[in-house]
Structure formats: C-alpha cells, structure tokens
C-alpha cells in the first residue's frame, strides 16, 4: 500500500504550537522502498533550524497530527 503523503517539496508550513519557529519550507522528501517503511520530510524554518517530520497521514505520528499546517 502506498503512503498517503501530506507535504511536498516547496510547500510552506507553520507549526501551530511552536509559532516562534516562524514559517517553514519543505526542502526534502525521503521515501522508504520497503513496505511499511517511513516517509519523511525535512523542513527549514525561519529560525534557521532544519527539522524532520513523518509525512504519512496513515501514521499517528504524521506531521499533520503533530501540528504542522500548510500556509
């Protein structure tokens, strides 16, 4: 089964809890070739720090459920 992806490269995002991070942009996507493997995105925020998030809506730890929202 293919993962249900939430974010794509170039998407602008904001975290609802950590507003002081500022706006972010997705700069990298990574997908596992193995069945059941993780899909990650790397986001750079205005505070200059890159953070990684799980990008599969079927995973309870998906970046959407963690508070990342599209702008």
N, C-alpha and C. Protein backbone atom coordinates (compact mmCIF):
# COMPACT_ATOMS: atom_id res chain seq x y z
N UNK A 1 0.83 -1.17 0.00
CA UNK A 1 0.00 0.00 0.00
C UNK A 1 0.89 1.25 0.00
N UNK A 2 0.57 2.22 -0.84
CA UNK A 2 1.33 3.46 -0.91
C UNK A 2 0.95 4.38 0.24
N UNK A 3 1.93 5.13 0.77
CA UNK A 3 1.62 6.06 1.86
C UNK A 3 0.78 7.24 1.35
N UNK A 4 -0.03 7.78 2.24
CA UNK A 4 -0.81 8.98 1.93
C UNK A 4 0.02 10.18 2.38
N UNK A 5 0.63 10.86 1.43
CA UNK A 5 1.55 11.95 1.74
C UNK A 5 0.80 13.24 2.02
N UNK A 6 1.32 14.03 2.95
CA UNK A 6 0.72 15.31 3.33
C UNK A 6 1.47 16.47 2.69
N UNK A 7 2.79 16.45 2.72
CA UNK A 7 3.59 17.57 2.23
C UNK A 7 4.42 17.20 1.02
N UNK A 8 4.72 18.18 0.21
CA UNK A 8 5.58 18.03 -0.98
C UNK A 8 6.68 19.09 -0.92
N UNK A 9 7.74 18.89 -1.68
CA UNK A 9 8.83 19.86 -1.74
C UNK A 9 8.28 21.22 -2.20
N UNK A 10 8.69 22.26 -1.49
CA UNK A 10 8.27 23.61 -1.82
C UNK A 10 7.06 24.10 -1.04
N UNK A 11 6.35 23.21 -0.35
CA UNK A 11 5.20 23.63 0.46
C UNK A 11 5.65 24.53 1.60
N UNK A 12 4.86 25.56 1.88
CA UNK A 12 5.10 26.46 3.01
C UNK A 12 4.24 25.98 4.18
N UNK A 13 4.84 25.94 5.37
CA UNK A 13 4.16 25.41 6.54
C UNK A 13 4.38 26.30 7.76
N UNK A 14 3.58 26.05 8.78
CA UNK A 14 3.71 26.70 10.08
C UNK A 14 3.33 25.68 11.13
N UNK A 15 3.98 25.72 12.28
CA UNK A 15 3.64 24.81 13.38
C UNK A 15 2.70 25.54 14.33
N UNK A 16 1.58 24.90 14.67
CA UNK A 16 0.56 25.56 15.49
C UNK A 16 1.00 25.76 16.94
N UNK A 17 1.87 24.90 17.44
CA UNK A 17 2.32 25.03 18.83
C UNK A 17 3.60 25.85 18.95
N UNK A 18 4.53 25.65 18.02
CA UNK A 18 5.82 26.33 18.07
C UNK A 18 5.86 27.48 17.07
N UNK A 19 5.00 28.47 17.27
CA UNK A 19 4.89 29.61 16.37
C UNK A 19 6.20 30.40 16.28
N UNK A 20 7.02 30.34 17.34
CA UNK A 20 8.27 31.09 17.35
C UNK A 20 9.32 30.51 16.40
N UNK A 21 9.07 29.31 15.85
CA UNK A 21 9.94 28.78 14.81
C UNK A 21 9.82 29.61 13.54
N UNK A 22 8.68 30.27 13.35
CA UNK A 22 8.41 31.02 12.13
C UNK A 22 7.86 30.10 11.05
N UNK A 23 7.70 30.64 9.87
CA UNK A 23 7.23 29.86 8.73
C UNK A 23 8.35 28.94 8.26
N UNK A 24 7.96 27.83 7.64
CA UNK A 24 8.94 26.88 7.14
C UNK A 24 8.66 26.50 5.71
N UNK A 25 9.64 25.89 5.08
CA UNK A 25 9.50 25.40 3.71
C UNK A 25 10.07 23.99 3.63
N UNK A 26 9.32 23.11 2.97
CA UNK A 26 9.78 21.73 2.78
C UNK A 26 10.91 21.74 1.76
N UNK A 27 12.07 21.21 2.16
CA UNK A 27 13.23 21.23 1.27
C UNK A 27 13.65 19.84 0.80
N UNK A 28 13.10 18.78 1.45
CA UNK A 28 13.49 17.43 1.06
C UNK A 28 12.40 16.44 1.44
N UNK A 29 12.19 15.45 0.56
CA UNK A 29 11.29 14.33 0.83
C UNK A 29 12.13 13.06 0.79
N UNK A 30 11.82 12.12 1.65
CA UNK A 30 12.52 10.84 1.66
C UNK A 30 11.49 9.73 1.84
N UNK A 31 11.56 8.74 0.95
CA UNK A 31 10.59 7.64 0.98
C UNK A 31 11.33 6.31 1.09
N UNK A 32 10.80 5.43 1.91
CA UNK A 32 11.38 4.10 2.06
C UNK A 32 10.91 3.21 0.91
N UNK A 33 11.80 2.39 0.41
CA UNK A 33 11.45 1.45 -0.65
C UNK A 33 10.83 0.17 -0.07
N UNK A 34 10.93 0.00 1.24
CA UNK A 34 10.41 -1.19 1.89
C UNK A 34 8.94 -1.03 2.25
N UNK A 35 8.13 -2.07 2.13
CA UNK A 35 6.74 -1.98 2.55
C UNK A 35 6.65 -1.66 4.04
N UNK A 36 5.83 -0.68 4.37
CA UNK A 36 5.67 -0.28 5.76
C UNK A 36 6.75 0.65 6.26
N UNK A 37 7.65 1.07 5.37
CA UNK A 37 8.73 1.99 5.76
C UNK A 37 8.22 3.41 5.94
N UNK A 38 9.04 4.24 6.52
CA UNK A 38 8.65 5.63 6.81
C UNK A 38 8.85 6.54 5.61
N UNK A 39 8.08 7.61 5.60
CA UNK A 39 8.25 8.72 4.67
C UNK A 39 8.52 9.96 5.51
N UNK A 40 9.60 10.65 5.21
CA UNK A 40 9.97 11.82 5.98
C UNK A 40 10.02 13.05 5.09
N UNK A 41 9.86 14.22 5.71
CA UNK A 41 10.14 15.48 5.05
C UNK A 41 11.08 16.27 5.96
N UNK A 42 11.93 17.05 5.33
CA UNK A 42 12.81 17.96 6.07
C UNK A 42 12.33 19.38 5.79
N UNK A 43 12.14 20.13 6.86
CA UNK A 43 11.61 21.49 6.76
C UNK A 43 12.61 22.45 7.38
N UNK A 44 12.90 23.55 6.69
CA UNK A 44 13.74 24.60 7.26
C UNK A 44 12.82 25.74 7.68
N UNK A 45 12.98 26.16 8.92
CA UNK A 45 12.14 27.22 9.48
C UNK A 45 12.91 28.54 9.51
N UNK A 46 12.19 29.62 9.76
CA UNK A 46 12.79 30.95 9.77
C UNK A 46 13.84 31.10 10.88
N UNK A 47 13.79 30.26 11.91
CA UNK A 47 14.80 30.34 12.96
C UNK A 47 16.12 29.71 12.53
N UNK A 48 16.17 29.17 11.30
CA UNK A 48 17.39 28.64 10.72
C UNK A 48 17.65 27.17 11.02
N UNK A 49 16.75 26.51 11.70
CA UNK A 49 16.95 25.11 12.06
C UNK A 49 16.12 24.20 11.14
N UNK A 50 16.77 23.14 10.64
CA UNK A 50 16.07 22.13 9.84
C UNK A 50 15.50 21.09 10.79
N UNK A 51 14.23 20.74 10.56
CA UNK A 51 13.58 19.72 11.38
C UNK A 51 12.96 18.68 10.46
N UNK A 52 12.96 17.41 10.91
CA UNK A 52 12.40 16.32 10.13
C UNK A 52 11.10 15.84 10.75
N UNK A 53 10.16 15.47 9.88
CA UNK A 53 8.84 15.01 10.31
C UNK A 53 8.42 13.81 9.48
N UNK A 54 7.59 12.95 10.08
CA UNK A 54 6.99 11.84 9.35
C UNK A 54 5.90 12.41 8.46
N UNK A 55 5.82 11.95 7.22
CA UNK A 55 4.94 12.55 6.21
C UNK A 55 3.87 11.58 5.71
N UNK A 56 3.45 10.63 6.51
CA UNK A 56 2.44 9.65 6.10
C UNK A 56 1.19 9.84 6.95
N UNK A 57 0.08 10.24 6.33
CA UNK A 57 -1.16 10.51 7.06
C UNK A 57 -1.73 9.26 7.73
N UNK A 58 -1.30 8.07 7.33
CA UNK A 58 -1.76 6.85 7.98
C UNK A 58 -1.00 6.56 9.27
N UNK A 59 0.05 7.32 9.55
CA UNK A 59 0.85 7.14 10.76
C UNK A 59 0.36 8.12 11.82
N UNK A 60 0.15 7.65 13.05
CA UNK A 60 -0.36 8.53 14.11
C UNK A 60 0.64 9.60 14.51
N UNK A 61 1.89 9.49 14.07
CA UNK A 61 2.91 10.50 14.35
C UNK A 61 3.14 11.42 13.15
N UNK A 62 2.23 11.42 12.19
CA UNK A 62 2.36 12.27 10.99
C UNK A 62 2.51 13.73 11.39
N UNK A 63 3.23 14.48 10.58
CA UNK A 63 3.46 15.89 10.87
C UNK A 63 2.15 16.68 10.99
N UNK A 64 1.10 16.27 10.30
CA UNK A 64 -0.20 16.96 10.42
C UNK A 64 -0.74 16.82 11.84
N UNK A 65 -0.70 15.61 12.38
CA UNK A 65 -1.20 15.36 13.72
C UNK A 65 -0.29 15.97 14.78
N UNK A 66 0.99 16.19 14.43
CA UNK A 66 1.94 16.82 15.34
C UNK A 66 1.80 18.34 15.36
N UNK A 67 1.01 18.91 14.44
CA UNK A 67 0.76 20.35 14.48
C UNK A 67 1.27 21.14 13.29
N UNK A 68 1.81 20.51 12.29
CA UNK A 68 2.31 21.22 11.10
C UNK A 68 1.15 21.48 10.15
N UNK A 69 0.96 22.73 9.75
CA UNK A 69 -0.14 23.11 8.87
C UNK A 69 0.37 23.83 7.64
N UNK A 70 -0.26 23.58 6.51
CA UNK A 70 0.06 24.27 5.26
C UNK A 70 -0.38 25.72 5.35
N UNK A 71 0.41 26.61 4.76
CA UNK A 71 0.03 28.03 4.70
C UNK A 71 -0.74 28.29 3.43
